[in-house]
PDB file of all heavy atoms in Angstrom:
ATOM      1  N   ARG A   1     -37.387 -46.580 -48.890  1.00  0.00           N
ATOM      2  CA  ARG A   1     -37.998 -47.141 -50.105  1.00  0.00           C
ATOM      3  C   ARG A   1     -39.195 -48.026 -49.756  1.00  0.00           C
ATOM      4  O   ARG A   1     -40.211 -48.027 -50.460  1.00  0.00           O
ATOM      5  CB  ARG A   1     -36.955 -47.927 -50.888  1.00  0.00           C
ATOM      6  CG  ARG A   1     -35.933 -47.060 -51.614  1.00  0.00           C
ATOM      7  CD  ARG A   1     -34.821 -47.906 -52.175  1.00  0.00           C
ATOM      8  NE  ARG A   1     -33.887 -47.109 -52.985  1.00  0.00           N
ATOM      9  CZ  ARG A   1     -32.610 -47.426 -53.184  1.00  0.00           C
ATOM     10  NH1 ARG A   1     -32.108 -48.527 -52.625  1.00  0.00           N
ATOM     11  NH2 ARG A   1     -31.841 -46.666 -53.933  1.00  0.00           N
ATOM     12  N   LEU A   2     -39.065 -48.791 -48.680  1.00  0.00           N
ATOM     13  CA  LEU A   2     -40.191 -49.610 -48.231  1.00  0.00           C
ATOM     14  C   LEU A   2     -41.377 -48.732 -47.873  1.00  0.00           C
ATOM     15  O   LEU A   2     -42.519 -49.025 -48.251  1.00  0.00           O
ATOM     16  CB  LEU A   2     -39.776 -50.457 -47.025  1.00  0.00           C
ATOM     17  CG  LEU A   2     -40.905 -51.268 -46.370  1.00  0.00           C
ATOM     18  CD1 LEU A   2     -41.389 -52.360 -47.307  1.00  0.00           C
ATOM     19  CD2 LEU A   2     -40.445 -51.855 -45.040  1.00  0.00           C
ATOM     20  N   TRP A   3     -41.142 -47.637 -47.155  1.00  0.00           N
ATOM     21  CA  TRP A   3     -42.228 -46.720 -46.823  1.00  0.00           C
ATOM     22  C   TRP A   3     -42.930 -46.233 -48.085  1.00  0.00           C
ATOM     23  O   TRP A   3     -44.163 -46.218 -48.155  1.00  0.00           O
ATOM     24  CB  TRP A   3     -41.687 -45.521 -46.049  1.00  0.00           C
ATOM     25  CG  TRP A   3     -41.130 -45.831 -44.694  1.00  0.00           C
ATOM     26  CD1 TRP A   3     -41.312 -46.983 -43.972  1.00  0.00           C
ATOM     27  CD2 TRP A   3     -40.299 -44.989 -43.897  1.00  0.00           C
ATOM     28  NE1 TRP A   3     -40.645 -46.903 -42.782  1.00  0.00           N
ATOM     29  CE2 TRP A   3     -40.010 -45.686 -42.697  1.00  0.00           C
ATOM     30  CE3 TRP A   3     -39.766 -43.720 -44.075  1.00  0.00           C
ATOM     31  CZ2 TRP A   3     -39.220 -45.148 -41.690  1.00  0.00           C
ATOM     32  CZ3 TRP A   3     -38.978 -43.165 -43.072  1.00  0.00           C
ATOM     33  CH2 TRP A   3     -38.698 -43.872 -41.891  1.00  0.00           C
ATOM     34  N   LEU A   4     -42.146 -45.841 -49.081  1.00  0.00           N
ATOM     35  CA  LEU A   4     -42.736 -45.338 -50.323  1.00  0.00           C
ATOM     36  C   LEU A   4     -43.626 -46.384 -50.984  1.00  0.00           C
ATOM     37  O   LEU A   4     -44.750 -46.091 -51.403  1.00  0.00           O
ATOM     38  CB  LEU A   4     -41.632 -44.915 -51.294  1.00  0.00           C
ATOM     39  CG  LEU A   4     -40.991 -43.549 -51.071  1.00  0.00           C
ATOM     40  CD1 LEU A   4     -39.812 -43.373 -52.013  1.00  0.00           C
ATOM     41  CD2 LEU A   4     -42.008 -42.426 -51.291  1.00  0.00           C
ATOM     42  N   ARG A   5     -43.117 -47.605 -51.096  1.00  0.00           N
ATOM     43  CA  ARG A   5     -43.887 -48.659 -51.774  1.00  0.00           C
ATOM     44  C   ARG A   5     -45.207 -48.920 -51.063  1.00  0.00           C
ATOM     45  O   ARG A   5     -46.262 -49.048 -51.699  1.00  0.00           O
ATOM     46  CB  ARG A   5     -43.069 -49.952 -51.851  1.00  0.00           C
ATOM     47  CG  ARG A   5     -41.891 -49.892 -52.782  1.00  0.00           C
ATOM     48  CD  ARG A   5     -41.334 -51.274 -53.059  1.00  0.00           C
ATOM     49  NE  ARG A   5     -40.837 -51.945 -51.851  1.00  0.00           N
ATOM     50  CZ  ARG A   5     -39.641 -51.770 -51.328  1.00  0.00           C
ATOM     51  NH1 ARG A   5     -38.814 -50.886 -51.866  1.00  0.00           N
ATOM     52  NH2 ARG A   5     -39.255 -52.437 -50.254  1.00  0.00           N
ATOM     53  N   GLU A   6     -45.146 -49.008 -49.754  1.00  0.00           N
ATOM     54  CA  GLU A   6     -46.345 -49.351 -48.997  1.00  0.00           C
ATOM     55  C   GLU A   6     -47.348 -48.196 -48.957  1.00  0.00           C
ATOM     56  O   GLU A   6     -48.560 -48.406 -49.053  1.00  0.00           O
ATOM     57  CB  GLU A   6     -45.961 -49.774 -47.576  1.00  0.00           C
ATOM     58  CG  GLU A   6     -45.226 -51.101 -47.518  1.00  0.00           C
ATOM     59  CD  GLU A   6     -46.070 -52.261 -48.018  1.00  0.00           C
ATOM     60  OE1 GLU A   6     -47.308 -52.227 -47.837  1.00  0.00           O
ATOM     61  OE2 GLU A   6     -45.485 -53.204 -48.598  1.00  0.00           O
ATOM     62  N   ILE A   7     -46.857 -46.974 -48.825  1.00  0.00           N
ATOM     63  CA  ILE A   7     -47.767 -45.822 -48.801  1.00  0.00           C
ATOM     64  C   ILE A   7     -48.462 -45.665 -50.148  1.00  0.00           C
ATOM     65  O   ILE A   7     -49.662 -45.383 -50.222  1.00  0.00           O
ATOM     66  CB  ILE A   7     -46.999 -44.545 -48.416  1.00  0.00           C
ATOM     67  CG1 ILE A   7     -46.519 -44.632 -46.969  1.00  0.00           C
ATOM     68  CG2 ILE A   7     -47.870 -43.304 -48.618  1.00  0.00           C
ATOM     69  CD1 ILE A   7     -45.566 -43.521 -46.564  1.00  0.00           C
ATOM     70  N   GLU A   8     -47.714 -45.870 -51.230  1.00  0.00           N
ATOM     71  CA  GLU A   8     -48.290 -45.730 -52.566  1.00  0.00           C
ATOM     72  C   GLU A   8     -49.401 -46.742 -52.809  1.00  0.00           C
ATOM     73  O   GLU A   8     -50.322 -46.504 -53.587  1.00  0.00           O
ATOM     74  CB  GLU A   8     -47.192 -45.883 -53.615  1.00  0.00           C
ATOM     75  CG  GLU A   8     -47.647 -45.566 -55.027  1.00  0.00           C
ATOM     76  CD  GLU A   8     -46.503 -45.622 -56.020  1.00  0.00           C
ATOM     77  OE1 GLU A   8     -45.484 -46.283 -55.724  1.00  0.00           O
ATOM     78  OE2 GLU A   8     -46.629 -45.011 -57.090  1.00  0.00           O
ATOM     79  N   ASP A   9     -49.357 -47.896 -52.133  1.00  0.00           N
ATOM     80  CA  ASP A   9     -50.362 -48.945 -52.341  1.00  0.00           C
ATOM     81  C   ASP A   9     -51.589 -48.776 -51.442  1.00  0.00           C
ATOM     82  O   ASP A   9     -52.577 -49.478 -51.606  1.00  0.00           O
ATOM     83  CB  ASP A   9     -49.732 -50.319 -52.096  1.00  0.00           C
ATOM     84  CG  ASP A   9     -50.629 -51.457 -52.551  1.00  0.00           C
ATOM     85  OD1 ASP A   9     -50.979 -51.483 -53.751  1.00  0.00           O
ATOM     86  OD2 ASP A   9     -50.993 -52.306 -51.714  1.00  0.00           O
ATOM     87  N   ARG A  10     -51.545 -47.844 -50.518  1.00  0.00           N
ATOM     88  CA  ARG A  10     -52.682 -47.645 -49.621  1.00  0.00           C
ATOM     89  C   ARG A  10     -53.869 -47.031 -50.364  1.00  0.00           C
ATOM     90  O   ARG A  10     -53.701 -46.284 -51.330  1.00  0.00           O
ATOM     91  CB  ARG A  10     -52.280 -46.727 -48.454  1.00  0.00           C
ATOM     92  CG  ARG A  10     -51.376 -47.391 -47.421  1.00  0.00           C
ATOM     93  CD  ARG A  10     -50.914 -46.405 -46.383  1.00  0.00           C
ATOM     94  NE  ARG A  10     -52.001 -45.692 -45.709  1.00  0.00           N
ATOM     95  CZ  ARG A  10     -52.206 -45.695 -44.386  1.00  0.00           C
ATOM     96  NH1 ARG A  10     -51.407 -46.385 -43.594  1.00  0.00           N
ATOM     97  NH2 ARG A  10     -53.192 -44.997 -43.855  1.00  0.00           N
ATOM     98  N   ASP A  11     -55.065 -47.306 -49.866  1.00  0.00           N
ATOM     99  CA  ASP A  11     -56.266 -46.720 -50.462  1.00  0.00           C
ATOM    100  C   ASP A  11     -56.277 -45.200 -50.340  1.00  0.00           C
ATOM    101  O   ASP A  11     -56.863 -44.513 -51.178  1.00  0.00           O
ATOM    102  CB  ASP A  11     -57.516 -47.299 -49.795  1.00  0.00           C
ATOM    103  CG  ASP A  11     -57.728 -48.768 -50.130  1.00  0.00           C
ATOM    104  OD1 ASP A  11     -57.180 -49.226 -51.160  1.00  0.00           O
ATOM    105  OD2 ASP A  11     -58.419 -49.461 -49.358  1.00  0.00           O
ATOM    106  N   ASP A  12     -55.635 -44.691 -49.279  1.00  0.00           N
ATOM    107  CA  ASP A  12     -55.613 -43.240 -49.053  1.00  0.00           C
ATOM    108  C   ASP A  12     -54.288 -42.626 -49.496  1.00  0.00           C
ATOM    109  O   ASP A  12     -53.850 -41.613 -48.945  1.00  0.00           O
ATOM    110  CB  ASP A  12     -55.878 -42.912 -47.584  1.00  0.00           C
ATOM    111  CG  ASP A  12     -54.892 -43.594 -46.634  1.00  0.00           C
ATOM    112  OD1 ASP A  12     -54.018 -44.351 -47.116  1.00  0.00           O
ATOM    113  OD2 ASP A  12     -55.004 -43.377 -45.402  1.00  0.00           O
ATOM    114  N   ALA A  13     -53.665 -43.224 -50.506  1.00  0.00           N
ATOM    115  CA  ALA A  13     -52.355 -42.736 -50.964  1.00  0.00           C
ATOM    116  C   ALA A  13     -52.406 -41.272 -51.383  1.00  0.00           C
ATOM    117  O   ALA A  13     -51.443 -40.524 -51.150  1.00  0.00           O
ATOM    118  CB  ALA A  13     -51.848 -43.602 -52.116  1.00  0.00           C
ATOM    119  N   ASP A  14     -53.507 -40.843 -51.988  1.00  0.00           N
ATOM    120  CA  ASP A  14     -53.607 -39.440 -52.422  1.00  0.00           C
ATOM    121  C   ASP A  14     -53.473 -38.486 -51.241  1.00  0.00           C
ATOM    122  O   ASP A  14     -52.874 -37.408 -51.366  1.00  0.00           O
ATOM    123  CB  ASP A  14     -54.931 -39.199 -53.139  1.00  0.00           C
ATOM    124  CG  ASP A  14     -54.988 -39.856 -54.509  1.00  0.00           C
ATOM    125  OD1 ASP A  14     -53.917 -40.258 -55.002  1.00  0.00           O
ATOM    126  OD2 ASP A  14     -56.089 -39.996 -55.062  1.00  0.00           O
ATOM    127  N   ALA A  15     -54.009 -38.887 -50.103  1.00  0.00           N
ATOM    128  CA  ALA A  15     -53.950 -38.029 -48.926  1.00  0.00           C
ATOM    129  C   ALA A  15     -52.557 -38.001 -48.316  1.00  0.00           C
ATOM    130  O   ALA A  15     -52.260 -37.126 -47.489  1.00  0.00           O
ATOM    131  CB  ALA A  15     -54.959 -38.516 -47.881  1.00  0.00           C
ATOM    132  N   LEU A  16     -51.707 -38.919 -48.730  1.00  0.00           N
ATOM    133  CA  LEU A  16     -50.347 -38.996 -48.201  1.00  0.00           C
ATOM    134  C   LEU A  16     -49.307 -38.588 -49.242  1.00  0.00           C
ATOM    135  O   LEU A  16     -48.125 -38.873 -49.080  1.00  0.00           O
ATOM    136  CB  LEU A  16     -50.067 -40.419 -47.710  1.00  0.00           C
ATOM    137  CG  LEU A  16     -50.821 -40.827 -46.439  1.00  0.00           C
ATOM    138  CD1 LEU A  16     -50.778 -42.345 -46.252  1.00  0.00           C
ATOM    139  CD2 LEU A  16     -50.251 -40.115 -45.217  1.00  0.00           C
ATOM    140  N   PHE A  17     -49.760 -37.909 -50.285  1.00  0.00           N
ATOM    141  CA  PHE A  17     -48.847 -37.498 -51.353  1.00  0.00           C
ATOM    142  C   PHE A  17     -47.715 -36.626 -50.812  1.00  0.00           C
ATOM    143  O   PHE A  17     -46.556 -36.768 -51.215  1.00  0.00           O
ATOM    144  CB  PHE A  17     -49.625 -36.745 -52.434  1.00  0.00           C
ATOM    145  CG  PHE A  17     -48.751 -36.231 -53.549  1.00  0.00           C
ATOM    146  CD1 PHE A  17     -48.327 -37.080 -54.564  1.00  0.00           C
ATOM    147  CD2 PHE A  17     -48.354 -34.898 -53.580  1.00  0.00           C
ATOM    148  CE1 PHE A  17     -47.510 -36.607 -55.585  1.00  0.00           C
ATOM    149  CE2 PHE A  17     -47.541 -34.417 -54.596  1.00  0.00           C
ATOM    150  CZ  PHE A  17     -47.117 -35.281 -55.605  1.00  0.00           C
ATOM    151  N   ASP A  18     -48.048 -35.726 -49.895  1.00  0.00           N
ATOM    152  CA  ASP A  18     -47.022 -34.836 -49.346  1.00  0.00           C
ATOM    153  C   ASP A  18     -45.958 -35.620 -48.578  1.00  0.00           C
ATOM    154  O   ASP A  18     -44.765 -35.285 -48.623  1.00  0.00           O
ATOM    155  CB  ASP A  18     -47.659 -33.768 -48.456  1.00  0.00           C
ATOM    156  CG  ASP A  18     -48.443 -34.372 -47.292  1.00  0.00           C
ATOM    157  OD1 ASP A  18     -48.930 -35.517 -47.430  1.00  0.00           O
ATOM    158  OD2 ASP A  18     -48.576 -33.702 -46.253  1.00  0.00           O
ATOM    159  N   LEU A  19     -46.374 -36.676 -47.884  1.00  0.00           N
ATOM    160  CA  LEU A  19     -45.411 -37.494 -47.157  1.00  0.00           C
ATOM    161  C   LEU A  19     -44.493 -38.241 -48.120  1.00  0.00           C
ATOM    162  O   LEU A  19     -43.273 -38.313 -47.898  1.00  0.00           O
ATOM    163  CB  LEU A  19     -46.146 -38.481 -46.250  1.00  0.00           C
ATOM    164  CG  LEU A  19     -45.265 -39.454 -45.463  1.00  0.00           C
ATOM    165  CD1 LEU A  19     -44.310 -38.703 -44.546  1.00  0.00           C
ATOM    166  CD2 LEU A  19     -46.122 -40.430 -44.653  1.00  0.00           C
ATOM    167  N   MET A  20     -45.063 -38.759 -49.202  1.00  0.00           N
ATOM    168  CA  MET A  20     -44.231 -39.447 -50.197  1.00  0.00           C
ATOM    169  C   MET A  20     -43.219 -38.491 -50.804  1.00  0.00           C
ATOM    170  O   MET A  20     -42.060 -38.850 -51.027  1.00  0.00           O
ATOM    171  CB  MET A  20     -45.116 -40.081 -51.277  1.00  0.00           C
ATOM    172  CG  MET A  20     -45.884 -41.300 -50.793  1.00  0.00           C
ATOM    173  SD  MET A  20     -46.717 -42.209 -52.134  1.00  0.00           S
ATOM    174  CE  MET A  20     -48.130 -41.152 -52.418  1.00  0.00           C
ATOM    175  N   GLU A  21     -43.634 -37.264 -51.066  1.00  0.00           N
ATOM    176  CA  GLU A  21     -42.708 -36.273 -51.605  1.00  0.00           C
ATOM    177  C   GLU A  21     -41.598 -35.943 -50.615  1.00  0.00           C
ATOM    178  O   GLU A  21     -40.445 -35.749 -50.999  1.00  0.00           O
ATOM    179  CB  GLU A  21     -43.467 -34.999 -51.989  1.00  0.00           C
ATOM    180  CG  GLU A  21     -44.145 -35.081 -53.338  1.00  0.00           C
ATOM    181  CD  GLU A  21     -43.139 -35.270 -54.464  1.00  0.00           C
ATOM    182  OE1 GLU A  21     -42.205 -34.461 -54.580  1.00  0.00           O
ATOM    183  OE2 GLU A  21     -43.283 -36.250 -55.223  1.00  0.00           O
ATOM    184  N   GLU A  22     -41.949 -35.910 -49.338  1.00  0.00           N
ATOM    185  CA  GLU A  22     -40.936 -35.625 -48.322  1.00  0.00           C
ATOM    186  C   GLU A  22     -39.901 -36.748 -48.261  1.00  0.00           C
ATOM    187  O   GLU A  22     -38.692 -36.497 -48.153  1.00  0.00           O
ATOM    188  CB  GLU A  22     -41.620 -35.454 -46.961  1.00  0.00           C
ATOM    189  CG  GLU A  22     -40.671 -34.994 -45.867  1.00  0.00           C
ATOM    190  CD  GLU A  22     -41.383 -34.687 -44.568  1.00  0.00           C
ATOM    191  OE1 GLU A  22     -42.626 -34.676 -44.551  1.00  0.00           O
ATOM    192  OE2 GLU A  22     -40.686 -34.465 -43.556  1.00  0.00           O
ATOM    193  N   ILE A  23     -40.374 -37.985 -48.362  1.00  0.00           N
ATOM    194  CA  ILE A  23     -39.442 -39.127 -48.362  1.00  0.00           C
ATOM    195  C   ILE A  23     -38.562 -39.081 -49.606  1.00  0.00           C
ATOM    196  O   ILE A  23     -37.339 -39.266 -49.534  1.00  0.00           O
ATOM    197  CB  ILE A  23     -40.224 -40.455 -48.294  1.00  0.00           C
ATOM    198  CG1 ILE A  23     -41.035 -40.549 -47.003  1.00  0.00           C
ATOM    199  CG2 ILE A  23     -39.257 -41.643 -48.399  1.00  0.00           C
ATOM    200  CD1 ILE A  23     -42.015 -41.706 -46.975  1.00  0.00           C
ATOM    201  N   LEU A  24     -39.184 -38.809 -50.746  1.00  0.00           N
ATOM    202  CA  LEU A  24     -38.416 -38.727 -51.991  1.00  0.00           C
ATOM    203  C   LEU A  24     -37.355 -37.640 -51.933  1.00  0.00           C
ATOM    204  O   LEU A  24     -36.248 -37.806 -52.452  1.00  0.00           O
ATOM    205  CB  LEU A  24     -39.365 -38.463 -53.168  1.00  0.00           C
ATOM    206  CG  LEU A  24     -40.014 -39.679 -53.819  1.00  0.00           C
ATOM    207  CD1 LEU A  24     -41.068 -39.228 -54.833  1.00  0.00           C
ATOM    208  CD2 LEU A  24     -38.968 -40.545 -54.510  1.00  0.00           C
ATOM    209  N   GLN A  25     -37.696 -36.536 -51.311  1.00  0.00           N
ATOM    210  CA  GLN A  25     -36.737 -35.436 -51.222  1.00  0.00           C
ATOM    211  C   GLN A  25     -35.489 -35.855 -50.441  1.00  0.00           C
ATOM    212  O   GLN A  25     -34.366 -35.488 -50.801  1.00  0.00           O
ATOM    213  CB  GLN A  25     -37.396 -34.214 -50.574  1.00  0.00           C
ATOM    214  CG  GLN A  25     -36.507 -32.993 -50.481  1.00  0.00           C
ATOM    215  CD  GLN A  25     -36.051 -32.475 -51.842  1.00  0.00           C
ATOM    216  OE1 GLN A  25     -36.655 -32.762 -52.869  1.00  0.00           O
ATOM    217  NE2 GLN A  25     -34.972 -31.704 -51.860  1.00  0.00           N
ATOM    218  N   THR A  26     -35.676 -36.631 -49.386  1.00  0.00           N
ATOM    219  CA  THR A  26     -34.498 -37.085 -48.634  1.00  0.00           C
ATOM    220  C   THR A  26     -33.627 -37.997 -49.492  1.00  0.00           C
ATOM    221  O   THR A  26     -32.401 -37.977 -49.375  1.00  0.00           O
ATOM    222  CB  THR A  26     -34.911 -37.841 -47.357  1.00  0.00           C
ATOM    223  OG1 THR A  26     -35.528 -39.090 -47.686  1.00  0.00           O
ATOM    224  CG2 THR A  26     -35.856 -36.998 -46.507  1.00  0.00           C
ATOM    225  N   ILE A  27     -34.260 -38.774 -50.357  1.00  0.00           N
ATOM    226  CA  ILE A  27     -33.500 -39.665 -51.236  1.00  0.00           C
ATOM    227  C   ILE A  27     -32.779 -38.857 -52.309  1.00  0.00           C
ATOM    228  O   ILE A  27     -31.630 -39.148 -52.656  1.00  0.00           O
ATOM    229  CB  ILE A  27     -34.437 -40.728 -51.853  1.00  0.00           C
ATOM    230  CG1 ILE A  27     -35.016 -41.625 -50.753  1.00  0.00           C
ATOM    231  CG2 ILE A  27     -33.704 -41.566 -52.897  1.00  0.00           C
ATOM    232  CD1 ILE A  27     -36.057 -42.624 -51.239  1.00  0.00           C
ATOM    233  N   ARG A  28     -33.445 -37.821 -52.820  1.00  0.00           N
ATOM    234  CA  ARG A  28     -32.803 -36.957 -53.823  1.00  0.00           C
ATOM    235  C   ARG A  28     -31.567 -36.277 -53.241  1.00  0.00           C
ATOM    236  O   ARG A  28     -30.517 -36.206 -53.873  1.00  0.00           O
ATOM    237  CB  ARG A  28     -33.785 -35.891 -54.306  1.00  0.00           C
ATOM    238  CG  ARG A  28     -34.949 -36.409 -55.130  1.00  0.00           C
ATOM    239  CD  ARG A  28     -35.757 -35.261 -55.708  1.00  0.00           C
ATOM    240  NE  ARG A  28     -36.998 -35.731 -56.282  1.00  0.00           N
ATOM    241  CZ  ARG A  28     -38.198 -35.558 -55.709  1.00  0.00           C
ATOM    242  NH1 ARG A  28     -38.299 -34.905 -54.564  1.00  0.00           N
ATOM    243  NH2 ARG A  28     -39.283 -36.031 -56.284  1.00  0.00           N
ATOM    244  N   LEU A  29     -31.706 -35.766 -52.031  1.00  0.00           N
ATOM    245  CA  LEU A  29     -30.582 -35.087 -51.393  1.00  0.00           C
ATOM    246  C   LEU A  29     -29.427 -36.053 -51.159  1.00  0.00           C
ATOM    247  O   LEU A  29     -28.261 -35.697 -51.332  1.00  0.00           O
ATOM    248  CB  LEU A  29     -31.035 -34.465 -50.072  1.00  0.00           C
ATOM    249  CG  LEU A  29     -31.985 -33.272 -50.180  1.00  0.00           C
ATOM    250  CD1 LEU A  29     -32.504 -32.868 -48.803  1.00  0.00           C
ATOM    251  CD2 LEU A  29     -31.291 -32.096 -50.858  1.00  0.00           C
ATOM    252  N   GLU A  30     -29.762 -37.262 -50.774  1.00  0.00           N
ATOM    253  CA  GLU A  30     -28.721 -38.255 -50.548  1.00  0.00           C
ATOM    254  C   GLU A  30     -28.006 -38.598 -51.842  1.00  0.00           C
ATOM    255  O   GLU A  30     -26.782 -38.747 -51.883  1.00  0.00           O
ATOM    256  CB  GLU A  30     -29.347 -39.506 -49.929  1.00  0.00           C
ATOM    257  CG  GLU A  30     -28.334 -40.534 -49.465  1.00  0.00           C
ATOM    258  CD  GLU A  30     -28.961 -41.560 -48.539  1.00  0.00           C
ATOM    259  OE1 GLU A  30     -29.834 -41.179 -47.729  1.00  0.00           O
ATOM    260  OE2 GLU A  30     -28.576 -42.730 -48.627  1.00  0.00           O
ATOM    261  N   ARG A  31     -28.781 -38.672 -52.914  1.00  0.00           N
ATOM    262  CA  ARG A  31     -28.197 -38.996 -54.219  1.00  0.00           C
ATOM    263  C   ARG A  31     -27.290 -37.867 -54.697  1.00  0.00           C
ATOM    264  O   ARG A  31     -26.191 -38.096 -55.214  1.00  0.00           O
ATOM    265  CB  ARG A  31     -29.320 -39.229 -55.226  1.00  0.00           C
ATOM    266  CG  ARG A  31     -28.889 -39.487 -56.656  1.00  0.00           C
ATOM    267  CD  ARG A  31     -30.105 -39.938 -57.467  1.00  0.00           C
ATOM    268  NE  ARG A  31     -29.790 -40.069 -58.868  1.00  0.00           N
ATOM    269  CZ  ARG A  31     -30.148 -39.201 -59.802  1.00  0.00           C
ATOM    270  NH1 ARG A  31     -30.820 -38.120 -59.475  1.00  0.00           N
ATOM    271  NH2 ARG A  31     -29.838 -39.398 -61.058  1.00  0.00           N
ATOM    272  N   SER A  32     -27.716 -36.621 -54.499  1.00  0.00           N
ATOM    273  CA  SER A  32     -26.927 -35.493 -54.991  1.00  0.00           C
ATOM    274  C   SER A  32     -25.658 -35.269 -54.167  1.00  0.00           C
ATOM    275  O   SER A  32     -24.689 -34.693 -54.648  1.00  0.00           O
ATOM    276  CB  SER A  32     -27.768 -34.221 -54.987  1.00  0.00           C
ATOM    277  OG  SER A  32     -28.151 -33.891 -53.661  1.00  0.00           O
ATOM    278  N   SER A  33     -25.672 -35.737 -52.904  1.00  0.00           N
ATOM    279  CA  SER A  33     -24.510 -35.527 -52.043  1.00  0.00           C
ATOM    280  C   SER A  33     -23.513 -36.678 -52.095  1.00  0.00           C
ATOM    281  O   SER A  33     -22.440 -36.586 -51.508  1.00  0.00           O
ATOM    282  CB  SER A  33     -24.959 -35.321 -50.593  1.00  0.00           C
ATOM    283  OG  SER A  33     -25.604 -36.496 -50.108  1.00  0.00           O
ATOM    284  N   THR A  34     -23.884 -37.753 -52.788  1.00  0.00           N
ATOM    285  CA  THR A  34     -22.967 -38.881 -52.886  1.00  0.00           C
ATOM    286  C   THR A  34     -21.818 -38.520 -53.812  1.00  0.00           C
ATOM    287  O   THR A  34     -22.043 -38.153 -54.971  1.00  0.00           O
ATOM    288  CB  THR A  34     -23.691 -40.127 -53.442  1.00  0.00           C
ATOM    289  OG1 THR A  34     -24.773 -40.446 -52.571  1.00  0.00           O
ATOM    290  CG2 THR A  34     -22.739 -41.314 -53.532  1.00  0.00           C
TER     291      THR A  34
END
């Protein structure tokens, strides 16, 4: 979650959209498997 917050605030956040999606996907999988 910290990674997501900090990456989203970067000036080049658009260029890191794929990385944010990858992090989110791991959180989604964790949520669905709980």
